[in-house]
Amino acid sequence: MKIKILKNKDLDKLENDVNEFIQDKCVIDIKYESTQYRTCKYIENILIVIILYDSYGNCGYLNTKSLMDFKKV
């Protein structure tokens, strides 16, 4: 088993990154968390996705248009 961590503040880009990554993986579990990044002037929200997967064969979600849809979350 392996772990992949993806993060971004742009939800559309993160959704595309997750869906592209899982296409050839055997996904075991996907978890997500939101956090804030604070600087002197700004506070930005960041979504972090943690994917637990195996990478053998082509048993991923090849026929699925979108496994993760963050607009519904």
N, C-alpha and C. Protein backbone atom coordinates (compact mmCIF):
# COMPACT_ATOMS: atom_id res chain seq x y z
N MET A 1 0.83 -1.18 0.00
CA MET A 1 0.00 0.00 0.00
C MET A 1 0.87 1.25 0.00
N LYS A 2 0.35 2.29 -0.63
CA LYS A 2 1.05 3.56 -0.72
C LYS A 2 0.10 4.69 -0.36
N ILE A 3 0.68 5.84 -0.04
CA ILE A 3 -0.12 7.02 0.29
C ILE A 3 0.30 8.16 -0.63
N LYS A 4 -0.68 8.88 -1.13
CA LYS A 4 -0.44 10.08 -1.94
C LYS A 4 -1.20 11.23 -1.30
N ILE A 5 -0.53 12.36 -1.12
CA ILE A 5 -1.15 13.55 -0.54
C ILE A 5 -1.17 14.64 -1.59
N LEU A 6 -2.35 15.15 -1.89
CA LEU A 6 -2.52 16.25 -2.84
C LEU A 6 -3.15 17.42 -2.09
N LYS A 7 -2.72 18.62 -2.42
CA LYS A 7 -3.29 19.80 -1.76
C LYS A 7 -3.36 20.95 -2.75
N ASN A 8 -4.37 21.79 -2.57
CA ASN A 8 -4.53 22.94 -3.44
C ASN A 8 -5.63 23.83 -2.87
N LYS A 9 -5.59 25.10 -3.18
CA LYS A 9 -6.68 25.99 -2.78
C LYS A 9 -7.71 26.15 -3.88
N ASP A 10 -7.39 25.71 -5.10
CA ASP A 10 -8.31 25.73 -6.23
C ASP A 10 -9.00 24.37 -6.31
N LEU A 11 -10.29 24.31 -5.95
CA LEU A 11 -10.99 23.04 -5.87
C LEU A 11 -11.12 22.34 -7.21
N ASP A 12 -11.33 23.09 -8.29
CA ASP A 12 -11.45 22.48 -9.61
C ASP A 12 -10.14 21.81 -10.01
N LYS A 13 -9.02 22.47 -9.78
CA LYS A 13 -7.72 21.89 -10.12
C LYS A 13 -7.44 20.66 -9.26
N LEU A 14 -7.77 20.74 -7.98
CA LEU A 14 -7.55 19.60 -7.09
C LEU A 14 -8.41 18.41 -7.50
N GLU A 15 -9.65 18.66 -7.87
CA GLU A 15 -10.53 17.60 -8.33
C GLU A 15 -9.94 16.92 -9.56
N ASN A 16 -9.44 17.70 -10.52
CA ASN A 16 -8.82 17.14 -11.71
C ASN A 16 -7.56 16.36 -11.37
N ASP A 17 -6.74 16.87 -10.46
CA ASP A 17 -5.52 16.18 -10.04
C ASP A 17 -5.83 14.83 -9.41
N VAL A 18 -6.84 14.80 -8.54
CA VAL A 18 -7.22 13.55 -7.88
C VAL A 18 -7.72 12.55 -8.90
N ASN A 19 -8.63 12.97 -9.78
CA ASN A 19 -9.19 12.05 -10.77
C ASN A 19 -8.13 11.54 -11.74
N GLU A 20 -7.19 12.38 -12.11
CA GLU A 20 -6.11 11.95 -12.99
C GLU A 20 -5.19 10.95 -12.28
N PHE A 21 -4.90 11.20 -11.02
CA PHE A 21 -4.00 10.33 -10.27
C PHE A 21 -4.58 8.93 -10.06
N ILE A 22 -5.88 8.83 -9.79
CA ILE A 22 -6.46 7.53 -9.42
C ILE A 22 -6.82 6.66 -10.62
N GLN A 23 -6.66 7.15 -11.83
CA GLN A 23 -7.09 6.39 -13.00
C GLN A 23 -6.45 5.01 -13.10
N ASP A 24 -5.19 4.86 -12.76
CA ASP A 24 -4.52 3.57 -12.89
C ASP A 24 -4.13 3.00 -11.53
N LYS A 25 -4.86 3.36 -10.50
CA LYS A 25 -4.55 2.88 -9.15
C LYS A 25 -5.73 2.09 -8.59
N CYS A 26 -5.44 1.19 -7.69
CA CYS A 26 -6.48 0.50 -6.93
C CYS A 26 -6.68 1.28 -5.64
N VAL A 27 -7.67 2.14 -5.63
CA VAL A 27 -7.91 3.03 -4.49
C VAL A 27 -8.54 2.24 -3.36
N ILE A 28 -7.94 2.34 -2.19
CA ILE A 28 -8.46 1.68 -1.00
C ILE A 28 -9.32 2.64 -0.20
N ASP A 29 -8.85 3.87 -0.04
CA ASP A 29 -9.60 4.85 0.73
C ASP A 29 -9.15 6.26 0.36
N ILE A 30 -10.07 7.21 0.45
CA ILE A 30 -9.77 8.62 0.22
C ILE A 30 -10.33 9.42 1.38
N LYS A 31 -9.49 10.23 1.98
CA LYS A 31 -9.90 11.12 3.07
C LYS A 31 -9.52 12.54 2.69
N TYR A 32 -10.20 13.50 3.27
CA TYR A 32 -9.86 14.89 2.99
C TYR A 32 -10.03 15.73 4.26
N GLU A 33 -9.28 16.79 4.31
CA GLU A 33 -9.32 17.75 5.42
C GLU A 33 -9.15 19.15 4.85
N SER A 34 -9.75 20.11 5.48
CA SER A 34 -9.49 21.50 5.10
C SER A 34 -8.71 22.17 6.22
N THR A 35 -7.86 23.08 5.83
CA THR A 35 -7.04 23.80 6.80
C THR A 35 -6.87 25.24 6.32
N GLN A 36 -6.30 26.06 7.15
CA GLN A 36 -6.05 27.45 6.78
C GLN A 36 -4.56 27.73 6.81
N TYR A 37 -4.12 28.49 5.83
CA TYR A 37 -2.74 28.95 5.75
C TYR A 37 -2.76 30.44 6.07
N ARG A 38 -2.06 30.82 7.10
CA ARG A 38 -2.08 32.22 7.54
C ARG A 38 -0.73 32.89 7.30
N THR A 39 -0.79 34.07 6.73
CA THR A 39 0.39 34.93 6.61
C THR A 39 0.06 36.25 7.30
N CYS A 40 0.94 37.19 7.21
CA CYS A 40 0.70 38.50 7.83
C CYS A 40 -0.54 39.19 7.26
N LYS A 41 -0.76 39.02 5.97
CA LYS A 41 -1.83 39.75 5.29
C LYS A 41 -3.03 38.90 4.90
N TYR A 42 -2.83 37.59 4.74
CA TYR A 42 -3.88 36.76 4.15
C TYR A 42 -4.16 35.53 4.99
N ILE A 43 -5.38 35.05 4.84
CA ILE A 43 -5.76 33.73 5.34
C ILE A 43 -6.36 32.99 4.15
N GLU A 44 -5.76 31.85 3.79
CA GLU A 44 -6.25 31.07 2.66
C GLU A 44 -6.69 29.70 3.13
N ASN A 45 -7.80 29.23 2.57
CA ASN A 45 -8.27 27.88 2.86
C ASN A 45 -7.63 26.91 1.88
N ILE A 46 -7.17 25.78 2.38
CA ILE A 46 -6.52 24.76 1.56
C ILE A 46 -7.20 23.43 1.84
N LEU A 47 -7.50 22.68 0.79
CA LEU A 47 -8.06 21.35 0.93
C LEU A 47 -6.95 20.33 0.69
N ILE A 48 -6.83 19.37 1.59
CA ILE A 48 -5.81 18.33 1.51
C ILE A 48 -6.52 17.00 1.31
N VAL A 49 -6.10 16.24 0.30
CA VAL A 49 -6.67 14.93 0.01
C VAL A 49 -5.60 13.88 0.24
N ILE A 50 -5.94 12.86 1.01
CA ILE A 50 -5.02 11.76 1.30
C ILE A 50 -5.60 10.50 0.67
N ILE A 51 -4.82 9.87 -0.21
CA ILE A 51 -5.28 8.70 -0.95
C ILE A 51 -4.44 7.50 -0.55
N LEU A 52 -5.09 6.45 -0.10
CA LEU A 52 -4.44 5.17 0.20
C LEU A 52 -4.72 4.25 -0.98
N TYR A 53 -3.65 3.72 -1.61
CA TYR A 53 -3.85 2.98 -2.85
C TYR A 53 -2.80 1.89 -3.03
N ASP A 54 -3.10 0.96 -3.94
CA ASP A 54 -2.14 0.02 -4.50
C ASP A 54 -2.02 0.35 -5.97
N SER A 55 -0.84 0.14 -6.55
CA SER A 55 -0.62 0.59 -7.93
C SER A 55 -0.37 -0.54 -8.92
N TYR A 56 -0.91 -1.71 -8.67
CA TYR A 56 -0.69 -2.81 -9.59
C TYR A 56 -1.85 -2.91 -10.58
N GLY A 57 -1.53 -3.31 -11.82
CA GLY A 57 -2.56 -3.55 -12.83
C GLY A 57 -3.35 -2.31 -13.21
N ASN A 58 -4.42 -2.53 -13.95
CA ASN A 58 -5.34 -1.46 -14.32
C ASN A 58 -6.68 -1.71 -13.66
N CYS A 59 -6.71 -1.61 -12.36
CA CYS A 59 -7.96 -1.87 -11.64
C CYS A 59 -8.52 -0.60 -11.05
N GLY A 60 -8.14 0.55 -11.60
CA GLY A 60 -8.60 1.83 -11.07
C GLY A 60 -9.97 2.20 -11.60
N TYR A 61 -10.28 3.48 -11.56
CA TYR A 61 -11.58 3.99 -11.95
C TYR A 61 -11.50 4.55 -13.37
N LEU A 62 -11.15 3.70 -14.33
CA LEU A 62 -10.94 4.16 -15.70
C LEU A 62 -12.21 4.66 -16.36
N ASN A 63 -13.36 4.08 -16.02
CA ASN A 63 -14.60 4.44 -16.68
C ASN A 63 -15.42 5.46 -15.91
N THR A 64 -14.91 5.93 -14.81
CA THR A 64 -15.64 6.88 -13.99
C THR A 64 -15.26 8.29 -14.41
N LYS A 65 -16.25 9.11 -14.67
CA LYS A 65 -15.98 10.50 -15.09
C LYS A 65 -15.31 11.27 -13.96
N SER A 66 -15.86 11.17 -12.77
CA SER A 66 -15.31 11.93 -11.66
C SER A 66 -15.64 11.23 -10.35
N LEU A 67 -14.63 10.70 -9.70
CA LEU A 67 -14.85 10.06 -8.41
C LEU A 67 -15.02 11.10 -7.32
N MET A 68 -14.23 12.15 -7.36
CA MET A 68 -14.30 13.20 -6.34
C MET A 68 -14.98 14.43 -6.93
N ASP A 69 -16.01 14.90 -6.29
CA ASP A 69 -16.69 16.12 -6.69
C ASP A 69 -16.77 17.02 -5.47
N PHE A 70 -15.83 17.96 -5.34
CA PHE A 70 -15.71 18.76 -4.13
C PHE A 70 -16.80 19.81 -4.00
N LYS A 71 -17.56 20.06 -5.07
CA LYS A 71 -18.65 21.02 -4.96
C LYS A 71 -19.77 20.47 -4.07
N LYS A 72 -19.88 19.14 -3.98
CA LYS A 72 -20.91 18.51 -3.16
C LYS A 72 -20.47 18.35 -1.72
N VAL A 73 -19.17 18.49 -1.46
CA VAL A 73 -18.64 18.26 -0.12
C VAL A 73 -18.90 19.44 0.78
